[in-house]
Amino acid sequence: MGVVNFAHRVSPSFTAYLRVDFVKPIATPCELVIDTWIETCEGRKRFSKASIATVDEEGKHTVMATANALFIEWNQDAVTEWRKTRSKL
């Protein structure tokens, strides 16, 4: 899901939380379709969602899991300051 932030040219971010709800067991190996998107943005917060589905022989998708996550964009000034203090150790 973090790749979506990168694809949308969002600054580097870290995962605050990630929740996956499995609807059905996923038998492996199998072909999966994973859709992920940014639902909303609030300041440095990026709320993302995803769905994971299998595909049968007829091309029908069956959702096997859903996910939601919160990514927080780095505060560049704080990161720069933290790196300065770490280099002095």
Protein backbone atom coordinates (compact mmCIF):
# COMPACT_ATOMS: atom_id res chain seq x y z
CA MET A 1 0.00 0.00 0.00
CA GLY A 2 2.92 2.31 0.60
CA VAL A 3 3.80 2.13 -3.08
CA VAL A 4 0.63 4.12 -3.84
CA ASN A 5 2.11 7.08 -1.95
CA PHE A 6 5.26 6.81 -4.05
CA ALA A 7 3.26 6.55 -7.28
CA HIS A 8 1.38 9.74 -6.39
CA ARG A 9 4.66 11.58 -5.75
CA VAL A 10 3.97 11.91 -2.03
CA SER A 11 7.02 12.53 0.14
CA PRO A 12 8.43 9.51 1.98
CA SER A 13 6.10 8.32 4.71
CA PHE A 14 5.98 5.72 7.46
CA THR A 15 3.23 3.29 8.38
CA ALA A 16 1.24 4.36 11.45
CA TYR A 17 -1.08 1.36 11.20
CA LEU A 18 -2.04 -1.38 8.77
CA ARG A 19 -5.09 -3.59 9.23
CA VAL A 20 -5.90 -6.58 7.03
CA ASP A 21 -9.28 -8.31 7.35
CA PHE A 22 -9.35 -11.74 5.74
CA VAL A 23 -12.80 -12.53 4.35
CA LYS A 24 -11.93 -16.02 3.10
CA PRO A 25 -8.84 -18.25 3.24
CA ILE A 26 -6.48 -17.77 0.29
CA ALA A 27 -5.25 -21.09 -1.11
CA THR A 28 -1.81 -20.80 -2.67
CA PRO A 29 -0.50 -20.80 -5.25
CA CYS A 30 -3.10 -18.65 -6.98
CA GLU A 31 -3.40 -15.52 -9.06
CA LEU A 32 -4.34 -12.43 -7.04
CA VAL A 33 -5.55 -9.00 -8.02
CA ILE A 34 -4.59 -6.30 -5.54
CA ASP A 35 -6.22 -2.88 -5.81
CA THR A 36 -4.97 -0.10 -3.57
CA TRP A 37 -5.73 3.61 -3.41
CA ILE A 38 -5.45 6.71 -1.26
CA GLU A 39 -8.88 7.33 0.24
CA THR A 40 -8.26 10.75 1.86
CA CYS A 41 -5.46 13.11 2.80
CA GLU A 42 -5.42 15.26 5.93
CA GLY A 43 -2.26 17.32 6.21
CA ARG A 44 0.62 14.81 6.41
CA LYS A 45 -1.77 11.87 6.93
CA ARG A 46 -2.61 9.52 4.03
CA PHE A 47 -5.51 7.12 4.60
CA SER A 48 -5.26 4.19 2.18
CA LYS A 49 -7.45 1.19 1.37
CA ALA A 50 -6.94 -2.04 -0.54
CA SER A 51 -8.74 -5.15 -1.67
CA ILE A 52 -7.22 -8.52 -2.50
CA ALA A 53 -9.17 -10.81 -4.82
CA THR A 54 -8.73 -14.12 -6.60
CA VAL A 55 -9.66 -14.61 -10.24
CA ASP A 56 -11.43 -17.74 -11.47
CA GLU A 57 -11.26 -19.30 -14.95
CA GLU A 58 -14.12 -17.07 -16.15
CA GLY A 59 -12.37 -13.91 -14.96
CA LYS A 60 -14.68 -13.38 -11.98
CA HIS A 61 -13.04 -11.64 -9.02
CA THR A 62 -13.77 -12.81 -5.48
CA VAL A 63 -12.62 -10.52 -2.66
CA MET A 64 -10.56 -12.50 -0.19
CA ALA A 65 -9.26 -9.68 2.01
CA THR A 66 -9.57 -5.95 2.56
CA ALA A 67 -7.10 -3.59 4.18
CA ASN A 68 -6.85 -0.06 5.45
CA ALA A 69 -3.83 1.87 6.55
CA LEU A 70 -2.60 5.23 7.76
CA PHE A 71 0.68 6.55 6.39
CA ILE A 72 2.23 9.73 7.78
CA GLU A 73 4.44 11.84 5.58
CA TRP A 74 7.84 12.60 7.02
CA ASN A 75 8.36 16.04 8.49
CA GLN A 76 11.53 16.87 6.52
CA ASP A 77 12.77 19.44 9.07
CA ALA A 78 12.42 16.96 11.94
CA VAL A 79 14.21 14.23 9.96
CA THR A 80 17.09 16.58 9.12
CA GLU A 81 17.41 17.60 12.78
CA TRP A 82 17.27 13.96 13.94
CA ARG A 83 20.05 13.02 11.49
CA LYS A 84 22.24 15.83 12.86
CA THR A 85 21.85 14.57 16.43
CA ARG A 86 22.51 10.93 15.38
CA SER A 87 25.74 11.89 13.58
CA LYS A 88 27.13 13.32 16.85
CA LEU A 89 26.85 9.98 18.68
